[in-house]
PDB file of all heavy atoms in Angstrom:
ATOM      1  N   LYS A   1     117.896 100.980 205.240  1.00  0.00           N
ATOM      2  CA  LYS A   1     117.813  99.550 205.151  1.00  0.00           C
ATOM      3  C   LYS A   1     116.629  99.061 205.982  1.00  0.00           C
ATOM      4  O   LYS A   1     116.318  99.663 207.006  1.00  0.00           O
ATOM      5  CB  LYS A   1     119.127  98.896 205.582  1.00  0.00           C
ATOM      6  CG  LYS A   1     119.472  99.107 207.029  1.00  0.00           C
ATOM      7  CD  LYS A   1     120.751  98.413 207.347  1.00  0.00           C
ATOM      8  CE  LYS A   1     120.941  98.591 208.873  1.00  0.00           C
ATOM      9  NZ  LYS A   1     121.992  97.900 209.401  1.00  0.00           N
ATOM     10  N   THR A   2     116.040  98.022 205.566  1.00  0.00           N
ATOM     11  CA  THR A   2     114.893  97.488 206.261  1.00  0.00           C
ATOM     12  C   THR A   2     115.313  96.109 206.816  1.00  0.00           C
ATOM     13  O   THR A   2     116.043  95.372 206.192  1.00  0.00           O
ATOM     14  CB  THR A   2     113.642  97.304 205.359  1.00  0.00           C
ATOM     15  OG1 THR A   2     113.928  96.455 204.284  1.00  0.00           O
ATOM     16  CG2 THR A   2     113.178  98.652 204.814  1.00  0.00           C
ATOM     17  N   THR A   3     114.814  95.854 208.032  1.00  0.00           N
ATOM     18  CA  THR A   3     115.134  94.484 208.620  1.00  0.00           C
ATOM     19  C   THR A   3     113.878  93.917 209.236  1.00  0.00           C
ATOM     20  O   THR A   3     113.953  93.294 210.241  1.00  0.00           O
ATOM     21  CB  THR A   3     116.157  94.731 209.732  1.00  0.00           C
ATOM     22  OG1 THR A   3     115.640  95.688 210.698  1.00  0.00           O
ATOM     23  CG2 THR A   3     117.451  95.213 209.218  1.00  0.00           C
ATOM     24  N   ASP A   4     112.747  94.101 208.623  1.00  0.00           N
ATOM     25  CA  ASP A   4     111.496  93.651 209.229  1.00  0.00           C
ATOM     26  C   ASP A   4     110.799  92.645 208.323  1.00  0.00           C
ATOM     27  O   ASP A   4     111.214  91.485 208.304  1.00  0.00           O
ATOM     28  CB  ASP A   4     110.620  94.836 209.409  1.00  0.00           C
ATOM     29  CG  ASP A   4     110.490  95.663 208.144  1.00  0.00           C
ATOM     30  OD1 ASP A   4     110.224  95.097 207.115  1.00  0.00           O
ATOM     31  OD2 ASP A   4     110.684  96.844 208.196  1.00  0.00           O
ATOM     32  N   ALA A   5     109.752  93.038 207.723  1.00  0.00           N
ATOM     33  CA  ALA A   5     108.930  92.056 206.969  1.00  0.00           C
ATOM     34  C   ALA A   5     109.708  91.346 205.852  1.00  0.00           C
ATOM     35  O   ALA A   5     109.480  90.181 205.587  1.00  0.00           O
ATOM     36  CB  ALA A   5     107.695  92.757 206.333  1.00  0.00           C
ATOM     37  N   ALA A   6     110.639  92.083 205.256  1.00  0.00           N
ATOM     38  CA  ALA A   6     111.473  91.459 204.216  1.00  0.00           C
ATOM     39  C   ALA A   6     112.263  90.292 204.788  1.00  0.00           C
ATOM     40  O   ALA A   6     112.543  89.330 204.102  1.00  0.00           O
ATOM     41  CB  ALA A   6     112.338  92.483 203.552  1.00  0.00           C
ATOM     42  N   SER A   7     112.658  90.386 206.050  1.00  0.00           N
ATOM     43  CA  SER A   7     113.482  89.336 206.612  1.00  0.00           C
ATOM     44  C   SER A   7     112.679  88.490 207.621  1.00  0.00           C
ATOM     45  O   SER A   7     113.253  87.722 208.321  1.00  0.00           O
ATOM     46  CB  SER A   7     114.683  89.984 207.351  1.00  0.00           C
ATOM     47  OG  SER A   7     114.222  90.775 208.405  1.00  0.00           O
ATOM     48  N   ALA A   8     111.367  88.657 207.595  1.00  0.00           N
ATOM     49  CA  ALA A   8     110.508  87.878 208.492  1.00  0.00           C
ATOM     50  C   ALA A   8     110.640  86.367 208.075  1.00  0.00           C
ATOM     51  O   ALA A   8     110.915  86.088 206.951  1.00  0.00           O
ATOM     52  CB  ALA A   8     109.075  88.344 208.360  1.00  0.00           C
ATOM     53  N   PRO A   9     110.374  85.519 209.034  1.00  0.00           N
ATOM     54  CA  PRO A   9     110.495  84.107 208.730  1.00  0.00           C
ATOM     55  C   PRO A   9     109.480  83.726 207.589  1.00  0.00           C
ATOM     56  O   PRO A   9     108.486  84.301 207.415  1.00  0.00           O
ATOM     57  CB  PRO A   9     110.103  83.419 210.031  1.00  0.00           C
ATOM     58  CG  PRO A   9     109.514  84.460 210.881  1.00  0.00           C
ATOM     59  CD  PRO A   9     109.943  85.785 210.403  1.00  0.00           C
ATOM     60  N   ALA A  10     109.942  82.716 206.809  1.00  0.00           N
ATOM     61  CA  ALA A  10     109.065  82.281 205.693  1.00  0.00           C
ATOM     62  C   ALA A  10     107.745  81.779 206.274  1.00  0.00           C
ATOM     63  O   ALA A  10     107.699  81.359 207.441  1.00  0.00           O
ATOM     64  CB  ALA A  10     109.781  81.177 204.966  1.00  0.00           C
ATOM     65  N   ALA A  11     106.718  81.897 205.507  1.00  0.00           N
ATOM     66  CA  ALA A  11     105.399  81.466 205.971  1.00  0.00           C
ATOM     67  C   ALA A  11     105.416  80.062 206.440  1.00  0.00           C
ATOM     68  O   ALA A  11     105.902  79.151 205.771  1.00  0.00           O
ATOM     69  CB  ALA A  11     104.376  81.635 204.848  1.00  0.00           C
ATOM     70  N   ALA A  12     104.878  79.877 207.590  1.00  0.00           N
ATOM     71  CA  ALA A  12     104.771  78.513 208.163  1.00  0.00           C
ATOM     72  C   ALA A  12     103.692  77.750 207.471  1.00  0.00           C
ATOM     73  O   ALA A  12     102.765  78.373 206.914  1.00  0.00           O
ATOM     74  CB  ALA A  12     104.518  78.615 209.654  1.00  0.00           C
ATOM     75  N   THR A  13     103.745  76.497 207.487  1.00  0.00           N
ATOM     76  CA  THR A  13     102.683  75.731 206.889  1.00  0.00           C
ATOM     77  C   THR A  13     101.723  75.284 207.964  1.00  0.00           C
ATOM     78  O   THR A  13     102.084  74.985 209.070  1.00  0.00           O
ATOM     79  CB  THR A  13     103.232  74.514 206.138  1.00  0.00           C
ATOM     80  OG1 THR A  13     103.989  73.710 207.034  1.00  0.00           O
ATOM     81  CG2 THR A  13     104.141  74.936 205.004  1.00  0.00           C
ATOM     82  N   ALA A  14     100.458  75.214 207.617  1.00  0.00           N
ATOM     83  CA  ALA A  14      99.480  74.718 208.541  1.00  0.00           C
ATOM     84  C   ALA A  14      99.640  73.209 208.671  1.00  0.00           C
ATOM     85  O   ALA A  14      99.951  72.585 207.680  1.00  0.00           O
ATOM     86  CB  ALA A  14      98.058  75.078 208.019  1.00  0.00           C
ATOM     87  N   PRO A  15      99.519  72.649 209.868  1.00  0.00           N
ATOM     88  CA  PRO A  15      99.761  71.236 210.034  1.00  0.00           C
ATOM     89  C   PRO A  15      98.939  70.411 209.055  1.00  0.00           C
ATOM     90  O   PRO A  15      97.734  70.638 208.937  1.00  0.00           O
ATOM     91  CB  PRO A  15      99.285  71.025 211.542  1.00  0.00           C
ATOM     92  CG  PRO A  15      99.363  72.371 212.154  1.00  0.00           C
ATOM     93  CD  PRO A  15      99.099  73.360 211.081  1.00  0.00           C
ATOM     94  N   GLY A  16      99.586  69.477 208.434  1.00  0.00           N
ATOM     95  CA  GLY A  16      98.908  68.545 207.504  1.00  0.00           C
ATOM     96  C   GLY A  16      98.520  69.130 206.141  1.00  0.00           C
ATOM     97  O   GLY A  16      97.806  68.507 205.440  1.00  0.00           O
ATOM     98  N   LYS A  17      98.977  70.310 205.841  1.00  0.00           N
ATOM     99  CA  LYS A  17      98.591  70.947 204.613  1.00  0.00           C
ATOM    100  C   LYS A  17      99.846  71.210 203.772  1.00  0.00           C
ATOM    101  O   LYS A  17     100.859  71.646 204.241  1.00  0.00           O
ATOM    102  CB  LYS A  17      97.938  72.363 204.921  1.00  0.00           C
ATOM    103  CG  LYS A  17      96.808  72.319 205.939  1.00  0.00           C
ATOM    104  CD  LYS A  17      95.519  71.856 205.375  1.00  0.00           C
ATOM    105  CE  LYS A  17      94.371  72.022 206.290  1.00  0.00           C
ATOM    106  NZ  LYS A  17      94.250  71.080 207.383  1.00  0.00           N
ATOM    107  N   SER A  18      99.714  70.998 202.451  1.00  0.00           N
ATOM    108  CA  SER A  18     100.816  71.210 201.566  1.00  0.00           C
ATOM    109  C   SER A  18     100.890  72.725 201.284  1.00  0.00           C
ATOM    110  O   SER A  18      99.837  73.432 201.359  1.00  0.00           O
ATOM    111  CB  SER A  18     100.616  70.460 200.242  1.00  0.00           C
ATOM    112  OG  SER A  18      99.632  71.054 199.498  1.00  0.00           O
ATOM    113  N   PRO A  19     102.063  73.253 200.909  1.00  0.00           N
ATOM    114  CA  PRO A  19     102.166  74.674 200.547  1.00  0.00           C
ATOM    115  C   PRO A  19     101.154  75.093 199.433  1.00  0.00           C
ATOM    116  O   PRO A  19     100.613  76.124 199.477  1.00  0.00           O
ATOM    117  CB  PRO A  19     103.604  74.829 200.093  1.00  0.00           C
ATOM    118  CG  PRO A  19     104.358  73.730 200.823  1.00  0.00           C
ATOM    119  CD  PRO A  19     103.366  72.618 200.905  1.00  0.00           C
ATOM    120  N   ASP A  20     100.964  74.208 198.421  1.00  0.00           N
ATOM    121  CA  ASP A  20     100.008  74.471 197.342  1.00  0.00           C
ATOM    122  C   ASP A  20      98.577  74.590 197.926  1.00  0.00           C
ATOM    123  O   ASP A  20      97.821  75.482 197.535  1.00  0.00           O
ATOM    124  CB  ASP A  20     100.056  73.438 196.268  1.00  0.00           C
ATOM    125  CG  ASP A  20     101.298  73.510 195.419  1.00  0.00           C
ATOM    126  OD1 ASP A  20     101.983  74.591 195.415  1.00  0.00           O
ATOM    127  OD2 ASP A  20     101.650  72.546 194.712  1.00  0.00           O
ATOM    128  N   GLU A  21      98.213  73.699 198.822  1.00  0.00           N
ATOM    129  CA  GLU A  21      96.875  73.734 199.404  1.00  0.00           C
ATOM    130  C   GLU A  21      96.695  75.019 200.222  1.00  0.00           C
ATOM    131  O   GLU A  21      95.646  75.658 200.142  1.00  0.00           O
ATOM    132  CB  GLU A  21      96.634  72.486 200.277  1.00  0.00           C
ATOM    133  CG  GLU A  21      95.258  72.446 200.859  1.00  0.00           C
ATOM    134  CD  GLU A  21      94.980  71.195 201.719  1.00  0.00           C
ATOM    135  OE1 GLU A  21      95.827  70.348 201.753  1.00  0.00           O
ATOM    136  OE2 GLU A  21      93.909  71.232 202.375  1.00  0.00           O
ATOM    137  N   ILE A  22      97.698  75.400 200.995  1.00  0.00           N
ATOM    138  CA  ILE A  22      97.648  76.587 201.796  1.00  0.00           C
ATOM    139  C   ILE A  22      97.474  77.820 200.885  1.00  0.00           C
ATOM    140  O   ILE A  22      96.661  78.676 201.129  1.00  0.00           O
ATOM    141  CB  ILE A  22      98.861  76.725 202.686  1.00  0.00           C
ATOM    142  CG1 ILE A  22      98.837  75.680 203.785  1.00  0.00           C
ATOM    143  CG2 ILE A  22      98.957  78.134 203.298  1.00  0.00           C
ATOM    144  CD1 ILE A  22     100.082  75.512 204.581  1.00  0.00           C
ATOM    145  N   ALA A  23      98.271  77.875 199.765  1.00  0.00           N
ATOM    146  CA  ALA A  23      98.156  78.952 198.823  1.00  0.00           C
ATOM    147  C   ALA A  23      96.780  79.092 198.221  1.00  0.00           C
ATOM    148  O   ALA A  23      96.201  80.170 198.120  1.00  0.00           O
ATOM    149  CB  ALA A  23      99.211  78.804 197.749  1.00  0.00           C
ATOM    150  N   LYS A  24      96.148  77.938 197.845  1.00  0.00           N
ATOM    151  CA  LYS A  24      94.826  77.904 197.293  1.00  0.00           C
ATOM    152  C   LYS A  24      93.799  78.414 198.310  1.00  0.00           C
ATOM    153  O   LYS A  24      92.916  79.162 198.007  1.00  0.00           O
ATOM    154  CB  LYS A  24      94.472  76.559 196.827  1.00  0.00           C
ATOM    155  CG  LYS A  24      95.173  76.131 195.533  1.00  0.00           C
ATOM    156  CD  LYS A  24      94.827  74.702 195.157  1.00  0.00           C
ATOM    157  CE  LYS A  24      95.677  74.238 193.964  1.00  0.00           C
ATOM    158  NZ  LYS A  24      95.467  72.837 193.669  1.00  0.00           N
ATOM    159  N   ARG A  25      93.926  77.949 199.588  1.00  0.00           N
ATOM    160  CA  ARG A  25      92.970  78.382 200.614  1.00  0.00           C
ATOM    161  C   ARG A  25      93.140  79.888 200.925  1.00  0.00           C
ATOM    162  O   ARG A  25      92.144  80.553 201.139  1.00  0.00           O
ATOM    163  CB  ARG A  25      93.201  77.477 201.898  1.00  0.00           C
ATOM    164  CG  ARG A  25      92.778  76.075 201.657  1.00  0.00           C
ATOM    165  CD  ARG A  25      93.180  75.148 202.787  1.00  0.00           C
ATOM    166  NE  ARG A  25      92.446  75.411 203.997  1.00  0.00           N
ATOM    167  CZ  ARG A  25      92.777  74.852 205.127  1.00  0.00           C
ATOM    168  NH1 ARG A  25      93.794  74.014 205.228  1.00  0.00           N
ATOM    169  NH2 ARG A  25      92.112  75.209 206.246  1.00  0.00           N
ATOM    170  N   ARG A  26      94.375  80.339 200.969  1.00  0.00           N
ATOM    171  CA  ARG A  26      94.573  81.784 201.183  1.00  0.00           C
ATOM    172  C   ARG A  26      93.990  82.627 200.027  1.00  0.00           C
ATOM    173  O   ARG A  26      93.391  83.644 200.238  1.00  0.00           O
ATOM    174  CB  ARG A  26      96.071  82.118 201.371  1.00  0.00           C
ATOM    175  CG  ARG A  26      96.587  81.730 202.764  1.00  0.00           C
ATOM    176  CD  ARG A  26      97.928  82.254 202.993  1.00  0.00           C
ATOM    177  NE  ARG A  26      98.295  81.924 204.340  1.00  0.00           N
ATOM    178  CZ  ARG A  26      99.532  81.526 204.746  1.00  0.00           C
ATOM    179  NH1 ARG A  26     100.491  81.453 203.847  1.00  0.00           N
ATOM    180  NH2 ARG A  26      99.707  81.230 206.023  1.00  0.00           N
ATOM    181  N   ALA A  27      94.163  82.129 198.799  1.00  0.00           N
ATOM    182  CA  ALA A  27      93.650  82.837 197.637  1.00  0.00           C
ATOM    183  C   ALA A  27      92.139  82.860 197.673  1.00  0.00           C
ATOM    184  O   ALA A  27      91.494  83.893 197.387  1.00  0.00           O
ATOM    185  CB  ALA A  27      94.136  82.207 196.370  1.00  0.00           C
ATOM    186  N   ALA A  28      91.550  81.768 198.087  1.00  0.00           N
ATOM    187  CA  ALA A  28      90.069  81.738 198.218  1.00  0.00           C
ATOM    188  C   ALA A  28      89.514  82.707 199.238  1.00  0.00           C
ATOM    189  O   ALA A  28      88.423  83.253 199.115  1.00  0.00           O
ATOM    190  CB  ALA A  28      89.618  80.265 198.605  1.00  0.00           C
ATOM    191  N   LEU A  29      90.327  83.000 200.288  1.00  0.00           N
ATOM    192  CA  LEU A  29      89.946  84.016 201.300  1.00  0.00           C
ATOM    193  C   LEU A  29      90.303  85.424 200.872  1.00  0.00           C
ATOM    194  O   LEU A  29      89.991  86.366 201.594  1.00  0.00           O
ATOM    195  CB  LEU A  29      90.638  83.677 202.648  1.00  0.00           C
ATOM    196  CG  LEU A  29      90.092  82.509 203.414  1.00  0.00           C
ATOM    197  CD1 LEU A  29      91.049  82.157 204.588  1.00  0.00           C
ATOM    198  CD2 LEU A  29      88.666  82.729 203.897  1.00  0.00           C
ATOM    199  N   GLY A  30      90.987  85.530 199.752  1.00  0.00           N
ATOM    200  CA  GLY A  30      91.394  86.884 199.287  1.00  0.00           C
ATOM    201  C   GLY A  30      92.650  87.341 199.991  1.00  0.00           C
ATOM    202  O   GLY A  30      92.840  88.589 200.131  1.00  0.00           O
ATOM    203  N   LEU A  31      93.473  86.427 200.434  1.00  0.00           N
ATOM    204  CA  LEU A  31      94.693  86.778 201.180  1.00  0.00           C
ATOM    205  C   LEU A  31      95.934  86.754 200.352  1.00  0.00           C
ATOM    206  O   LEU A  31      96.989  87.083 200.880  1.00  0.00           O
ATOM    207  CB  LEU A  31      94.857  85.838 202.394  1.00  0.00           C
ATOM    208  CG  LEU A  31      93.715  85.878 203.415  1.00  0.00           C
ATOM    209  CD1 LEU A  31      93.927  84.807 204.463  1.00  0.00           C
ATOM    210  CD2 LEU A  31      93.675  87.221 204.080  1.00  0.00           C
ATOM    211  N   ASP A  32      95.856  86.320 199.134  1.00  0.00           N
ATOM    212  CA  ASP A  32      97.056  86.240 198.289  1.00  0.00           C
ATOM    213  C   ASP A  32      97.522  87.668 197.928  1.00  0.00           C
ATOM    214  O   ASP A  32      96.832  88.618 197.987  1.00  0.00           O
ATOM    215  CB  ASP A  32      96.870  85.422 197.006  1.00  0.00           C
ATOM    216  CG  ASP A  32      95.733  85.925 196.148  1.00  0.00           C
ATOM    217  OD1 ASP A  32      95.014  86.841 196.606  1.00  0.00           O
ATOM    218  OD2 ASP A  32      95.612  85.468 195.017  1.00  0.00           O
ATOM    219  N   ASP A  33      98.814  87.751 197.628  1.00  0.00           N
ATOM    220  CA  ASP A  33      99.426  89.061 197.320  1.00  0.00           C
ATOM    221  C   ASP A  33      98.785  89.767 196.112  1.00  0.00           C
ATOM    222  O   ASP A  33      98.768  90.985 196.102  1.00  0.00           O
ATOM    223  CB  ASP A  33     100.930  88.910 197.090  1.00  0.00           C
ATOM    224  CG  ASP A  33     101.665  88.538 198.317  1.00  0.00           C
ATOM    225  OD1 ASP A  33     101.167  88.847 199.407  1.00  0.00           O
ATOM    226  OD2 ASP A  33     102.752  87.925 198.190  1.00  0.00           O
ATOM    227  N   ALA A  34      98.299  88.976 195.186  1.00  0.00           N
ATOM    228  CA  ALA A  34      97.585  89.629 194.050  1.00  0.00           C
ATOM    229  C   ALA A  34      96.355  90.408 194.424  1.00  0.00           C
ATOM    230  O   ALA A  34      96.030  91.317 193.771  1.00  0.00           O
ATOM    231  CB  ALA A  34      97.211  88.544 193.029  1.00  0.00           C
ATOM    232  N   ALA A  35      95.768  90.063 195.583  1.00  0.00           N
ATOM    233  CA  ALA A  35      94.547  90.739 196.047  1.00  0.00           C
ATOM    234  C   ALA A  35      94.909  92.090 196.618  1.00  0.00           C
ATOM    235  O   ALA A  35      94.024  92.941 196.767  1.00  0.00           O
ATOM    236  CB  ALA A  35      93.849  89.948 197.079  1.00  0.00           C
TER     237      ALA A  35
END
């Protein structure tokens, strides 16, 4: 059984940024899971 990354806290949001905006900015940096 694993109790680490799978149970890690959900991604925090950057102050003043919507989850969609954060996802777009992460994708632009090549940080999204698809990368």
